[in-house]
Amino acid sequence: MLLFKGKVYAILWGSRAILQLYPPPLEVEGSPLVAAHIPDDINIGSDVFMVESGGQMLLAVYPPGHTGFRLYQMHLRSSSGTGELIRVEFLGDRALFLGTDRCLSVSTRGLLSLRGNSIYFSLVGSPVVLHSLGTKSSEDLAKHCQIHNMVDRIRPSVRPFTIVDHLFTYCHHRQWAEGLMFHEYHHIPQSFKELWDNIEAKNSKLRIPSLRRQRRS
């Protein structure tokens, strides 16, 4: 889901339609507006991310089989009718951070630890991966700072944390809300009993009020 220029867009799982959820269209009440379609040559099982970058709406597609990213700029139509997706090959000094909860676009100017024209994302077992759009190659950035092997702790936390660590954690709400770094706690082993107890104790204090519909008089 993406908020872009006052409108909310989303893609339903298993669908090629990019929908405008808000504001709803006036001509078809109750039905979302189809803003654009994902190209037919993209596998329907691909991971798809939407992100605003430099005032543009981008679509990042990661097909099954780890063949690298395909980027598109979404050109929205001002009137009725669907927009179109234009292939993007170059991001300039921008770096994209693609997470399950948030996606960011960051200018790398003055940030020597970040790489422009690149995408930071996550794979199973590799919580922080850097993909270069220029070389089409990928690098596992968290390989040597994993604190566990998915079962037990294998080393203490590797510090100081980098800008990449903080930005990528921000893209994953669960770890961000718990004060944990995503590259260390993308998976929390059951052997981390004290941490699990602390999380459960904190969650038990949450109170979410129920919403009650008011009866119309």
Protein backbone atom coordinates (compact mmCIF):
# COMPACT_ATOMS: atom_id res chain seq x y z
CA MET A 1 0.00 0.00 0.00
CA LEU A 2 1.29 3.47 -0.86
CA LEU A 3 0.16 7.02 -0.12
CA PHE A 4 1.10 9.11 -3.15
CA LYS A 5 0.02 12.72 -3.74
CA GLY A 6 -3.00 12.44 -1.49
CA LYS A 7 -4.20 9.12 -2.91
CA VAL A 8 -3.87 5.57 -1.55
CA TYR A 9 -2.84 2.75 -3.89
CA ALA A 10 -2.63 -0.99 -3.29
CA ILE A 11 -2.07 -4.29 -5.08
CA LEU A 12 -4.08 -7.34 -4.10
CA TRP A 13 -2.18 -10.61 -3.79
CA GLY A 14 -2.53 -12.68 -6.96
CA SER A 15 -3.81 -9.73 -8.98
CA ARG A 16 -2.22 -7.61 -11.72
CA ALA A 17 -4.40 -4.60 -10.97
CA ILE A 18 -2.95 -1.57 -9.18
CA LEU A 19 -5.93 -0.09 -7.36
CA GLN A 20 -6.68 3.40 -6.14
CA LEU A 21 -8.42 2.82 -2.83
CA TYR A 22 -8.81 6.45 -1.78
CA PRO A 23 -10.43 8.70 -2.73
CA PRO A 24 -12.99 6.31 -4.21
CA PRO A 25 -14.17 6.94 -7.78
CA LEU A 26 -17.39 8.91 -8.08
CA GLU A 27 -18.69 7.06 -11.10
CA VAL A 28 -18.60 3.53 -9.60
CA GLU A 29 -19.60 3.62 -5.96
CA GLY A 30 -18.04 0.85 -3.86
CA SER A 31 -15.60 -0.31 -6.55
CA PRO A 32 -11.93 0.78 -6.43
CA LEU A 33 -10.44 2.45 -9.48
CA VAL A 34 -7.91 0.40 -11.47
CA ALA A 35 -5.02 2.85 -11.85
CA ALA A 36 -2.75 0.56 -13.91
CA HIS A 37 -1.93 -3.07 -14.63
CA ILE A 38 1.23 -5.06 -13.96
CA PRO A 39 2.65 -6.28 -17.32
CA ASP A 40 1.57 -9.77 -18.42
CA ASP A 41 5.17 -10.99 -18.78
CA ILE A 42 5.73 -10.65 -15.01
CA ASN A 43 5.12 -13.79 -12.97
CA ILE A 44 2.00 -13.38 -10.86
CA GLY A 45 3.92 -14.82 -7.87
CA SER A 46 6.54 -12.07 -7.92
CA ASP A 47 7.21 -9.85 -4.92
CA VAL A 48 5.93 -6.37 -5.78
CA PHE A 49 6.75 -3.17 -3.89
CA MET A 50 5.45 0.37 -4.36
CA VAL A 51 7.59 3.33 -3.34
CA GLU A 52 7.68 7.09 -3.88
CA SER A 53 11.04 8.27 -5.16
CA GLY A 54 11.83 11.84 -6.12
CA GLY A 55 8.18 12.72 -6.65
CA GLN A 56 7.57 9.64 -8.79
CA MET A 57 5.65 6.47 -8.05
CA LEU A 58 7.83 3.42 -8.66
CA LEU A 59 6.98 -0.25 -8.84
CA ALA A 60 9.78 -2.69 -7.95
CA VAL A 61 9.25 -6.30 -9.01
CA TYR A 62 11.34 -9.23 -7.78
CA PRO A 63 10.39 -12.37 -9.76
CA PRO A 64 10.68 -15.91 -8.37
CA GLY A 65 14.03 -17.51 -9.05
CA HIS A 66 16.07 -14.50 -7.88
CA THR A 67 16.69 -13.02 -11.33
CA GLY A 68 17.07 -9.44 -10.12
CA PHE A 69 14.71 -6.49 -9.94
CA ARG A 70 12.61 -4.87 -12.62
CA LEU A 71 11.68 -1.24 -11.98
CA TYR A 72 8.79 0.72 -13.45
CA GLN A 73 7.61 4.29 -13.16
CA MET A 74 3.87 4.56 -12.94
CA HIS A 75 2.36 7.29 -15.12
CA LEU A 76 -1.08 8.08 -13.77
CA ARG A 77 -3.82 9.48 -15.96
CA SER A 78 -5.55 12.62 -14.73
CA SER A 79 -8.86 11.55 -16.27
CA SER A 80 -10.63 8.20 -16.30
CA GLY A 81 -8.75 5.25 -17.74
CA THR A 82 -5.75 3.26 -16.63
CA GLY A 83 -2.20 4.57 -16.47
CA GLU A 84 0.90 2.91 -17.85
CA LEU A 85 4.14 1.52 -16.46
CA ILE A 86 7.41 2.74 -17.99
CA ARG A 87 10.56 0.67 -17.45
CA VAL A 88 13.26 2.36 -15.32
CA GLU A 89 16.91 1.30 -15.62
CA PHE A 90 18.67 3.95 -13.54
CA LEU A 91 18.00 5.52 -10.12
CA GLY A 92 20.82 8.05 -10.07
CA ASP A 93 21.92 8.78 -6.51
CA ARG A 94 18.79 7.21 -5.02
CA ALA A 95 18.73 4.01 -2.99
CA LEU A 96 15.51 2.08 -2.39
CA PHE A 97 14.79 0.26 0.88
CA LEU A 98 12.03 -2.29 0.34
CA GLY A 99 10.36 -3.79 3.42
CA THR A 100 7.21 -5.68 4.25
CA ASP A 101 5.64 -2.69 6.02
CA ARG A 102 7.31 0.39 4.51
CA CYS A 103 9.40 1.31 1.50
CA LEU A 104 11.79 4.24 1.36
CA SER A 105 13.75 6.13 -1.26
CA VAL A 106 16.88 7.86 0.07
CA SER A 107 19.34 10.21 -1.59
CA THR A 108 22.88 8.93 -1.04
CA ARG A 109 24.47 12.37 -1.42
CA GLY A 110 26.77 12.90 1.56
CA LEU A 111 26.05 9.38 2.87
CA LEU A 112 29.18 7.47 1.92
CA SER A 113 27.98 4.23 3.49
CA LEU A 114 25.01 4.05 1.10
CA ARG A 115 25.21 3.13 -2.58
CA GLY A 116 23.22 4.98 -5.17
CA ASN A 117 21.39 3.26 -8.03
CA SER A 118 20.81 0.32 -5.71
CA ILE A 119 18.07 -1.57 -3.91
CA TYR A 120 18.22 -2.87 -0.33
CA PHE A 121 15.84 -5.75 0.33
CA SER A 122 15.47 -9.00 2.25
CA LEU A 123 15.47 -12.69 1.40
CA VAL A 124 14.75 -15.73 3.57
CA GLY A 125 17.95 -16.34 5.51
CA SER A 126 19.52 -13.10 4.23
CA PRO A 127 17.88 -10.19 6.07
CA VAL A 128 19.75 -7.40 4.26
CA VAL A 129 20.71 -7.78 0.60
CA LEU A 130 22.15 -5.03 -1.60
CA HIS A 131 21.31 -5.25 -5.31
CA SER A 132 23.12 -2.97 -7.76
CA LEU A 133 21.09 -1.91 -10.79
CA GLY A 134 24.34 -1.07 -12.57
CA THR A 135 26.16 -4.38 -12.22
CA LYS A 136 23.02 -6.53 -11.71
CA SER A 137 24.84 -8.21 -8.81
CA SER A 138 23.70 -8.75 -5.22
CA GLU A 139 25.59 -8.79 -1.91
CA ASP A 140 24.56 -10.23 1.46
CA LEU A 141 25.33 -7.37 3.87
CA ALA A 142 24.30 -9.18 7.06
CA LYS A 143 26.28 -12.37 6.49
CA HIS A 144 28.93 -11.63 9.11
CA CYS A 145 26.76 -9.93 11.73
CA GLN A 146 24.10 -12.57 12.37
CA ILE A 147 23.73 -13.12 16.10
CA HIS A 148 22.04 -16.53 15.75
CA ASN A 149 21.79 -19.46 13.36
CA MET A 150 17.97 -19.47 13.47
CA VAL A 151 18.17 -21.75 16.54
CA ASP A 152 20.81 -20.57 19.02
CA ARG A 153 22.93 -17.46 19.63
CA ILE A 154 26.29 -17.66 17.88
CA ARG A 155 27.80 -14.23 18.61
CA PRO A 156 27.09 -10.97 20.46
CA SER A 157 25.56 -8.00 18.70
CA VAL A 158 27.94 -6.43 16.16
CA ARG A 159 28.14 -2.69 16.80
CA PRO A 160 27.98 0.15 15.95
CA PHE A 161 24.89 -0.21 13.80
CA THR A 162 25.05 1.34 10.34
CA ILE A 163 22.67 3.74 8.60
CA VAL A 164 21.54 0.80 6.48
CA ASP A 165 20.66 -1.16 9.64
CA HIS A 166 18.50 1.68 10.98
CA LEU A 167 16.76 2.50 7.68
CA PHE A 168 15.98 -1.13 6.93
CA THR A 169 14.65 -1.71 10.44
CA TYR A 170 12.32 1.27 9.94
CA CYS A 171 10.87 -0.59 6.95
CA HIS A 172 9.81 -3.47 9.22
CA HIS A 173 7.31 -2.28 11.80
CA ARG A 174 7.44 -5.27 14.14
CA GLN A 175 11.15 -4.94 14.89
CA TRP A 176 11.00 -1.12 14.84
CA ALA A 177 8.18 -1.07 17.41
CA GLU A 178 10.00 -3.53 19.68
CA GLY A 179 13.27 -1.58 19.56
CA LEU A 180 15.06 -4.45 17.79
CA MET A 181 17.31 -4.29 14.72
CA PHE A 182 15.80 -6.18 11.79
CA HIS A 183 19.06 -7.72 10.58
CA GLU A 184 19.52 -9.32 14.03
CA TYR A 185 15.92 -10.20 14.88
CA HIS A 186 14.25 -10.84 11.51
CA HIS A 187 13.69 -14.23 13.11
CA ILE A 188 13.62 -14.71 16.88
CA PRO A 189 14.59 -18.26 17.92
CA GLN A 190 12.59 -19.96 20.66
CA SER A 191 15.84 -20.24 22.63
CA PHE A 192 15.69 -16.46 23.20
CA LYS A 193 13.22 -17.10 26.02
CA GLU A 194 13.90 -13.89 27.97
CA LEU A 195 13.27 -11.76 24.90
CA TRP A 196 10.07 -13.63 24.08
CA ASP A 197 8.86 -13.16 27.67
CA ASN A 198 9.54 -9.41 27.46
CA ILE A 199 7.68 -9.12 24.15
CA GLU A 200 4.67 -11.06 25.44
CA ALA A 201 4.58 -9.00 28.65
CA LYS A 202 4.63 -5.77 26.64
CA ASN A 203 1.95 -7.01 24.22
CA SER A 204 -0.30 -8.05 27.12
CA LYS A 205 -0.52 -4.41 28.19
CA LEU A 206 -1.85 -3.26 24.84
CA ARG A 207 -5.47 -2.21 24.84
CA ILE A 208 -7.18 -1.69 21.50
CA PRO A 209 -10.61 -0.10 21.91
CA SER A 210 -13.41 -1.62 19.89
CA LEU A 211 -15.23 0.49 17.35
CA ARG A 212 -18.97 0.56 17.77
CA ARG A 213 -21.28 1.72 15.07
CA GLN A 214 -23.66 4.40 16.18
CA ARG A 215 -27.26 3.78 15.36
CA ARG A 216 -28.85 6.26 13.06
CA SER A 217 -31.77 8.06 14.61
